[in-house]
Amino acid sequence: MEIKVLGPGCAKCKRLEDAVKTAVKELELKARIVKVDDMMEIMKYGVTITPAIVVDGRVVLKGRIAGVKEIKELLTKG
């Protein structure tokens, strides 16, 4: 599984990245977490408001911060 956290490096983006790392650890997932801060790359996903989460190429959250519980639900959805 590849999880990308999209955002230019703002405080909200950092908080979301930390929450993703916590969720992955608690779920004991084998996942590669990548921070994407290049706006051209972010826009390739159709994301115009950050932060956002992309799981295996699919945008699952954008424009807000999610808590660890919600992220765990997003990561375990079929």
PDB file of N, CA and C in Angstrom:
ATOM      1  N   MET A   1       0.836  -1.167   0.000  1.00  0.00           N
ATOM      2  CA  MET A   1       0.000   0.000   0.000  1.00  0.00           C
ATOM      3  C   MET A   1       0.890   1.242   0.000  1.00  0.00           C
ATOM      4  N   GLU A   2       0.515   2.213  -0.824  1.00  0.00           N
ATOM      5  CA  GLU A   2       1.225   3.489  -0.831  1.00  0.00           C
ATOM      6  C   GLU A   2       0.243   4.586  -0.429  1.00  0.00           C
ATOM      7  N   ILE A   3       0.642   5.359   0.552  1.00  0.00           N
ATOM      8  CA  ILE A   3      -0.181   6.457   1.053  1.00  0.00           C
ATOM      9  C   ILE A   3       0.583   7.747   0.826  1.00  0.00           C
ATOM     10  N   LYS A   4      -0.054   8.682   0.125  1.00  0.00           N
ATOM     11  CA  LYS A   4       0.566   9.982  -0.100  1.00  0.00           C
ATOM     12  C   LYS A   4      -0.202  11.035   0.681  1.00  0.00           C
ATOM     13  N   VAL A   5       0.536  11.871   1.382  1.00  0.00           N
ATOM     14  CA  VAL A   5      -0.047  13.017   2.063  1.00  0.00           C
ATOM     15  C   VAL A   5       0.321  14.225   1.224  1.00  0.00           C
ATOM     16  N   LEU A   6      -0.709  14.881   0.669  1.00  0.00           N
ATOM     17  CA  LEU A   6      -0.489  16.012  -0.217  1.00  0.00           C
ATOM     18  C   LEU A   6      -0.633  17.312   0.550  1.00  0.00           C
ATOM     19  N   GLY A   7       0.335  18.187   0.403  1.00  0.00           N
ATOM     20  CA  GLY A   7       0.264  19.497   1.038  1.00  0.00           C
ATOM     21  C   GLY A   7       1.599  20.201   0.967  1.00  0.00           C
ATOM     22  N   PRO A   8       1.555  21.537   0.969  1.00  0.00           N
ATOM     23  CA  PRO A   8       2.771  22.314   0.771  1.00  0.00           C
ATOM     24  C   PRO A   8       3.695  22.398   1.989  1.00  0.00           C
ATOM     25  N   GLY A   9       3.323  21.797   3.092  1.00  0.00           N
ATOM     26  CA  GLY A   9       4.199  21.836   4.263  1.00  0.00           C
ATOM     27  C   GLY A   9       3.651  22.686   5.400  1.00  0.00           C
ATOM     28  N   CYS A  10       2.394  23.033   5.320  1.00  0.00           N
ATOM     29  CA  CYS A  10       1.776  23.842   6.370  1.00  0.00           C
ATOM     30  C   CYS A  10       1.568  23.000   7.640  1.00  0.00           C
ATOM     31  N   ALA A  11       1.191  23.650   8.714  1.00  0.00           N
ATOM     32  CA  ALA A  11       0.981  22.960   9.986  1.00  0.00           C
ATOM     33  C   ALA A  11      -0.117  21.905   9.870  1.00  0.00           C
ATOM     34  N   LYS A  12      -1.188  22.207   9.122  1.00  0.00           N
ATOM     35  CA  LYS A  12      -2.277  21.232   8.951  1.00  0.00           C
ATOM     36  C   LYS A  12      -1.782  19.989   8.230  1.00  0.00           C
ATOM     37  N   CYS A  13      -0.934  20.195   7.234  1.00  0.00           N
ATOM     38  CA  CYS A  13      -0.396  19.076   6.464  1.00  0.00           C
ATOM     39  C   CYS A  13       0.475  18.190   7.353  1.00  0.00           C
ATOM     40  N   LYS A  14       1.265  18.802   8.194  1.00  0.00           N
ATOM     41  CA  LYS A  14       2.134  18.055   9.108  1.00  0.00           C
ATOM     42  C   LYS A  14       1.290  17.263  10.106  1.00  0.00           C
ATOM     43  N   ARG A  15       0.220  17.863  10.634  1.00  0.00           N
ATOM     44  CA  ARG A  15      -0.652  17.156  11.572  1.00  0.00           C
ATOM     45  C   ARG A  15      -1.318  15.956  10.899  1.00  0.00           C
ATOM     46  N   LEU A  16      -1.734  16.135   9.633  1.00  0.00           N
ATOM     47  CA  LEU A  16      -2.353  15.027   8.919  1.00  0.00           C
ATOM     48  C   LEU A  16      -1.337  13.926   8.666  1.00  0.00           C
ATOM     49  N   GLU A  17      -0.134  14.280   8.295  1.00  0.00           N
ATOM     50  CA  GLU A  17       0.920  13.287   8.067  1.00  0.00           C
ATOM     51  C   GLU A  17       1.190  12.497   9.346  1.00  0.00           C
ATOM     52  N   ASP A  18       1.262  13.178  10.473  1.00  0.00           N
ATOM     53  CA  ASP A  18       1.483  12.498  11.757  1.00  0.00           C
ATOM     54  C   ASP A  18       0.337  11.547  12.083  1.00  0.00           C
ATOM     55  N   ALA A  19      -0.894  11.974  11.809  1.00  0.00           N
ATOM     56  CA  ALA A  19      -2.059  11.122  12.066  1.00  0.00           C
ATOM     57  C   ALA A  19      -2.045   9.884  11.167  1.00  0.00           C
ATOM     58  N   VAL A  20      -1.626  10.053   9.920  1.00  0.00           N
ATOM     59  CA  VAL A  20      -1.516   8.912   8.996  1.00  0.00           C
ATOM     60  C   VAL A  20      -0.488   7.919   9.517  1.00  0.00           C
ATOM     61  N   LYS A  21       0.660   8.424   9.944  1.00  0.00           N
ATOM     62  CA  LYS A  21       1.706   7.542  10.478  1.00  0.00           C
ATOM     63  C   LYS A  21       1.216   6.779  11.697  1.00  0.00           C
ATOM     64  N   THR A  22       0.481   7.446  12.569  1.00  0.00           N
ATOM     65  CA  THR A  22      -0.065   6.787  13.762  1.00  0.00           C
ATOM     66  C   THR A  22      -1.064   5.713  13.369  1.00  0.00           C
ATOM     67  N   ALA A  23      -1.955   6.027  12.432  1.00  0.00           N
ATOM     68  CA  ALA A  23      -2.964   5.062  11.990  1.00  0.00           C
ATOM     69  C   ALA A  23      -2.317   3.827  11.376  1.00  0.00           C
ATOM     70  N   VAL A  24      -1.313   4.028  10.541  1.00  0.00           N
ATOM     71  CA  VAL A  24      -0.612   2.905   9.900  1.00  0.00           C
ATOM     72  C   VAL A  24       0.053   2.037  10.963  1.00  0.00           C
ATOM     73  N   LYS A  25       0.679   2.670  11.922  1.00  0.00           N
ATOM     74  CA  LYS A  25       1.352   1.926  12.993  1.00  0.00           C
ATOM     75  C   LYS A  25       0.348   1.130  13.820  1.00  0.00           C
ATOM     76  N   GLU A  26      -0.774   1.774  14.203  1.00  0.00           N
ATOM     77  CA  GLU A  26      -1.781   1.086  15.019  1.00  0.00           C
ATOM     78  C   GLU A  26      -2.432  -0.073  14.277  1.00  0.00           C
ATOM     79  N   LEU A  27      -2.604   0.075  12.969  1.00  0.00           N
ATOM     80  CA  LEU A  27      -3.187  -1.004  12.168  1.00  0.00           C
ATOM     81  C   LEU A  27      -2.160  -2.059  11.766  1.00  0.00           C
ATOM     82  N   GLU A  28      -0.890  -1.772  12.042  1.00  0.00           N
ATOM     83  CA  GLU A  28       0.211  -2.653  11.659  1.00  0.00           C
ATOM     84  C   GLU A  28       0.199  -2.955  10.165  1.00  0.00           C
ATOM     85  N   LEU A  29      -0.011  -1.919   9.375  1.00  0.00           N
ATOM     86  CA  LEU A  29      -0.046  -2.063   7.923  1.00  0.00           C
ATOM     87  C   LEU A  29       1.356  -1.979   7.344  1.00  0.00           C
ATOM     88  N   LYS A  30       1.538  -2.688   6.255  1.00  0.00           N
ATOM     89  CA  LYS A  30       2.758  -2.514   5.476  1.00  0.00           C
ATOM     90  C   LYS A  30       2.421  -1.442   4.454  1.00  0.00           C
ATOM     91  N   ALA A  31       2.901  -0.248   4.720  1.00  0.00           N
ATOM     92  CA  ALA A  31       2.575   0.865   3.835  1.00  0.00           C
ATOM     93  C   ALA A  31       3.768   1.786   3.709  1.00  0.00           C
ATOM     94  N   ARG A  32       3.878   2.361   2.540  1.00  0.00           N
ATOM     95  CA  ARG A  32       4.902   3.369   2.299  1.00  0.00           C
ATOM     96  C   ARG A  32       4.191   4.711   2.327  1.00  0.00           C
ATOM     97  N   ILE A  33       4.634   5.589   3.217  1.00  0.00           N
ATOM     98  CA  ILE A  33       4.034   6.911   3.349  1.00  0.00           C
ATOM     99  C   ILE A  33       4.946   7.920   2.663  1.00  0.00           C
ATOM    100  N   VAL A  34       4.356   8.677   1.751  1.00  0.00           N
ATOM    101  CA  VAL A  34       5.112   9.645   0.969  1.00  0.00           C
ATOM    102  C   VAL A  34       4.491  11.018   1.181  1.00  0.00           C
ATOM    103  N   LYS A  35       5.314  12.009   1.470  1.00  0.00           N
ATOM    104  CA  LYS A  35       4.850  13.395   1.595  1.00  0.00           C
ATOM    105  C   LYS A  35       5.074  14.072   0.261  1.00  0.00           C
ATOM    106  N   VAL A  36       4.021  14.614  -0.322  1.00  0.00           N
ATOM    107  CA  VAL A  36       4.111  15.307  -1.611  1.00  0.00           C
ATOM    108  C   VAL A  36       3.833  16.785  -1.373  1.00  0.00           C
ATOM    109  N   ASP A  37       4.841  17.632  -1.634  1.00  0.00           N
ATOM    110  CA  ASP A  37       4.654  19.057  -1.410  1.00  0.00           C
ATOM    111  C   ASP A  37       4.755  19.894  -2.687  1.00  0.00           C
ATOM    112  N   ASP A  38       5.004  19.233  -3.805  1.00  0.00           N
ATOM    113  CA  ASP A  38       5.079  19.920  -5.096  1.00  0.00           C
ATOM    114  C   ASP A  38       3.664  20.183  -5.621  1.00  0.00           C
ATOM    115  N   MET A  39       3.311  21.465  -5.794  1.00  0.00           N
ATOM    116  CA  MET A  39       1.943  21.815  -6.184  1.00  0.00           C
ATOM    117  C   MET A  39       1.552  21.250  -7.549  1.00  0.00           C
ATOM    118  N   MET A  40       2.475  21.140  -8.472  1.00  0.00           N
ATOM    119  CA  MET A  40       2.148  20.559  -9.775  1.00  0.00           C
ATOM    120  C   MET A  40       1.772  19.086  -9.626  1.00  0.00           C
ATOM    121  N   GLU A  41       2.494  18.384  -8.772  1.00  0.00           N
ATOM    122  CA  GLU A  41       2.189  16.967  -8.510  1.00  0.00           C
ATOM    123  C   GLU A  41       0.844  16.842  -7.800  1.00  0.00           C
ATOM    124  N   ILE A  42       0.603  17.718  -6.837  1.00  0.00           N
ATOM    125  CA  ILE A  42      -0.670  17.701  -6.101  1.00  0.00           C
ATOM    126  C   ILE A  42      -1.835  17.924  -7.057  1.00  0.00           C
ATOM    127  N   MET A  43      -1.690  18.853  -7.967  1.00  0.00           N
ATOM    128  CA  MET A  43      -2.776  19.170  -8.900  1.00  0.00           C
ATOM    129  C   MET A  43      -3.061  18.032  -9.873  1.00  0.00           C
ATOM    130  N   LYS A  44      -2.091  17.139 -10.092  1.00  0.00           N
ATOM    131  CA  LYS A  44      -2.321  15.978 -10.956  1.00  0.00           C
ATOM    132  C   LYS A  44      -3.417  15.072 -10.390  1.00  0.00           C
ATOM    133  N   TYR A  45      -3.636  15.156  -9.081  1.00  0.00           N
ATOM    134  CA  TYR A  45      -4.685  14.362  -8.435  1.00  0.00           C
ATOM    135  C   TYR A  45      -6.022  15.092  -8.410  1.00  0.00           C
ATOM    136  N   GLY A  46      -6.074  16.280  -8.984  1.00  0.00           N
ATOM    137  CA  GLY A  46      -7.308  17.058  -8.987  1.00  0.00           C
ATOM    138  C   GLY A  46      -7.577  17.730  -7.645  1.00  0.00           C
ATOM    139  N   VAL A  47      -6.563  17.799  -6.818  1.00  0.00           N
ATOM    140  CA  VAL A  47      -6.697  18.404  -5.496  1.00  0.00           C
ATOM    141  C   VAL A  47      -6.337  19.882  -5.593  1.00  0.00           C
ATOM    142  N   THR A  48      -7.277  20.737  -5.207  1.00  0.00           N
ATOM    143  CA  THR A  48      -7.021  22.175  -5.230  1.00  0.00           C
ATOM    144  C   THR A  48      -6.982  22.764  -3.827  1.00  0.00           C
ATOM    145  N   ILE A  49      -7.380  21.982  -2.845  1.00  0.00           N
ATOM    146  CA  ILE A  49      -7.317  22.430  -1.459  1.00  0.00           C
ATOM    147  C   ILE A  49      -6.687  21.321  -0.628  1.00  0.00           C
ATOM    148  N   THR A  50      -5.676  21.678   0.128  1.00  0.00           N
ATOM    149  CA  THR A  50      -4.940  20.696   0.917  1.00  0.00           C
ATOM    150  C   THR A  50      -5.250  20.890   2.389  1.00  0.00           C
ATOM    151  N   PRO A  51      -4.910  19.936   3.212  1.00  0.00           N
ATOM    152  CA  PRO A  51      -4.186  18.705   2.917  1.00  0.00           C
ATOM    153  C   PRO A  51      -5.097  17.645   2.306  1.00  0.00           C
ATOM    154  N   ALA A  52      -4.476  16.603   1.798  1.00  0.00           N
ATOM    155  CA  ALA A  52      -5.223  15.499   1.193  1.00  0.00           C
ATOM    156  C   ALA A  52      -4.460  14.199   1.400  1.00  0.00           C
ATOM    157  N   ILE A  53      -5.203  13.097   1.295  1.00  0.00           N
ATOM    158  CA  ILE A  53      -4.610  11.765   1.396  1.00  0.00           C
ATOM    159  C   ILE A  53      -4.953  10.998   0.121  1.00  0.00           C
ATOM    160  N   VAL A  54      -3.948  10.349  -0.453  1.00  0.00           N
ATOM    161  CA  VAL A  54      -4.122   9.494  -1.626  1.00  0.00           C
ATOM    162  C   VAL A  54      -3.651   8.100  -1.234  1.00  0.00           C
ATOM    163  N   VAL A  55      -4.521   7.113  -1.431  1.00  0.00           N
ATOM    164  CA  VAL A  55      -4.179   5.727  -1.122  1.00  0.00           C
ATOM    165  C   VAL A  55      -4.170   4.942  -2.429  1.00  0.00           C
ATOM    166  N   ASP A  56      -3.017   4.403  -2.753  1.00  0.00           N
ATOM    167  CA  ASP A  56      -2.835   3.624  -3.980  1.00  0.00           C
ATOM    168  C   ASP A  56      -3.417   4.349  -5.199  1.00  0.00           C
ATOM    169  N   GLY A  57      -3.122   5.650  -5.303  1.00  0.00           N
ATOM    170  CA  GLY A  57      -3.522   6.428  -6.463  1.00  0.00           C
ATOM    171  C   GLY A  57      -4.918   7.019  -6.414  1.00  0.00           C
ATOM    172  N   ARG A  58      -5.671   6.758  -5.347  1.00  0.00           N
ATOM    173  CA  ARG A  58      -7.046   7.244  -5.238  1.00  0.00           C
ATOM    174  C   ARG A  58      -7.151   8.260  -4.101  1.00  0.00           C
ATOM    175  N   VAL A  59      -7.696   9.443  -4.403  1.00  0.00           N
ATOM    176  CA  VAL A  59      -7.884  10.471  -3.376  1.00  0.00           C
ATOM    177  C   VAL A  59      -9.010  10.026  -2.445  1.00  0.00           C
ATOM    178  N   VAL A  60      -8.698   9.908  -1.149  1.00  0.00           N
ATOM    179  CA  VAL A  60      -9.698   9.462  -0.178  1.00  0.00           C
ATOM    180  C   VAL A  60     -10.099  10.565   0.797  1.00  0.00           C
ATOM    181  N   LEU A  61      -9.333  11.653   0.825  1.00  0.00           N
ATOM    182  CA  LEU A  61      -9.651  12.765   1.723  1.00  0.00           C
ATOM    183  C   LEU A  61      -8.981  14.014   1.175  1.00  0.00           C
ATOM    184  N   LYS A  62      -9.716  15.127   1.206  1.00  0.00           N
ATOM    185  CA  LYS A  62      -9.075  16.375   0.780  1.00  0.00           C
ATOM    186  C   LYS A  62      -9.718  17.569   1.472  1.00  0.00           C
ATOM    187  N   GLY A  63      -8.880  18.575   1.690  1.00  0.00           N
ATOM    188  CA  GLY A  63      -9.351  19.842   2.210  1.00  0.00           C
ATOM    189  C   GLY A  63      -9.564  19.938   3.703  1.00  0.00           C
ATOM    190  N   ARG A  64      -9.159  18.908   4.438  1.00  0.00           N
ATOM    191  CA  ARG A  64      -9.342  18.956   5.891  1.00  0.00           C
ATOM    192  C   ARG A  64      -8.421  17.961   6.577  1.00  0.00           C
ATOM    193  N   ILE A  65      -8.347  18.099   7.890  1.00  0.00           N
ATOM    194  CA  ILE A  65      -7.568  17.163   8.700  1.00  0.00           C
ATOM    195  C   ILE A  65      -8.518  16.105   9.233  1.00  0.00           C
ATOM    196  N   ALA A  66      -8.106  14.876   9.197  1.00  0.00           N
ATOM    197  CA  ALA A  66      -8.885  13.777   9.775  1.00  0.00           C
ATOM    198  C   ALA A  66      -8.139  13.253  10.995  1.00  0.00           C
ATOM    199  N   GLY A  67      -8.892  12.727  11.930  1.00  0.00           N
ATOM    200  CA  GLY A  67      -8.286  12.116  13.099  1.00  0.00           C
ATOM    201  C   GLY A  67      -7.809  10.706  12.797  1.00  0.00           C
ATOM    202  N   VAL A  68      -7.080  10.145  13.718  1.00  0.00           N
ATOM    203  CA  VAL A  68      -6.527   8.797  13.544  1.00  0.00           C
ATOM    204  C   VAL A  68      -7.639   7.783  13.306  1.00  0.00           C
ATOM    205  N   LYS A  69      -8.727   7.883  14.057  1.00  0.00           N
ATOM    206  CA  LYS A  69      -9.829   6.924  13.907  1.00  0.00           C
ATOM    207  C   LYS A  69     -10.399   6.954  12.485  1.00  0.00           C
ATOM    208  N   GLU A  70     -10.648   8.149  11.959  1.00  0.00           N
ATOM    209  CA  GLU A  70     -11.200   8.258  10.606  1.00  0.00           C
ATOM    210  C   GLU A  70     -10.204   7.749   9.564  1.00  0.00           C
ATOM    211  N   ILE A  71      -8.938   8.052   9.750  1.00  0.00           N
ATOM    212  CA  ILE A  71      -7.923   7.587   8.804  1.00  0.00           C
ATOM    213  C   ILE A  71      -7.854   6.065   8.810  1.00  0.00           C
ATOM    214  N   LYS A  72      -7.935   5.467   9.976  1.00  0.00           N
ATOM    215  CA  LYS A  72      -7.936   3.999  10.053  1.00  0.00           C
ATOM    216  C   LYS A  72      -9.114   3.426   9.276  1.00  0.00           C
ATOM    217  N   GLU A  73     -10.271   4.071   9.383  1.00  0.00           N
ATOM    218  CA  GLU A  73     -11.448   3.610   8.633  1.00  0.00           C
ATOM    219  C   GLU A  73     -11.205   3.743   7.121  1.00  0.00           C
ATOM    220  N   LEU A  74     -10.606   4.853   6.698  1.00  0.00           N
ATOM    221  CA  LEU A  74     -10.312   5.057   5.279  1.00  0.00           C
ATOM    222  C   LEU A  74      -9.341   3.993   4.750  1.00  0.00           C
ATOM    223  N   LEU A  75      -8.363   3.634   5.574  1.00  0.00           N
ATOM    224  CA  LEU A  75      -7.341   2.687   5.146  1.00  0.00           C
ATOM    225  C   LEU A  75      -7.830   1.243   5.131  1.00  0.00           C
ATOM    226  N   THR A  76      -8.872   0.946   5.875  1.00  0.00           N
ATOM    227  CA  THR A  76      -9.358  -0.429   5.939  1.00  0.00           C
ATOM    228  C   THR A  76     -10.620  -0.651   5.117  1.00  0.00           C
ATOM    229  N   LYS A  77     -11.137   0.397   4.477  1.00  0.00           N
ATOM    230  CA  LYS A  77     -12.300   0.252   3.589  1.00  0.00           C
ATOM    231  C   LYS A  77     -11.923  -0.625   2.419  1.00  0.00           C
ATOM    232  N   GLY A  78     -12.861  -1.492   2.029  1.00  0.00           N
ATOM    233  CA  GLY A  78     -12.616  -2.388   0.918  1.00  0.00           C
ATOM    234  C   GLY A  78     -12.484  -1.654  -0.357  1.00  0.00           C
TER     235      GLY A  78
END
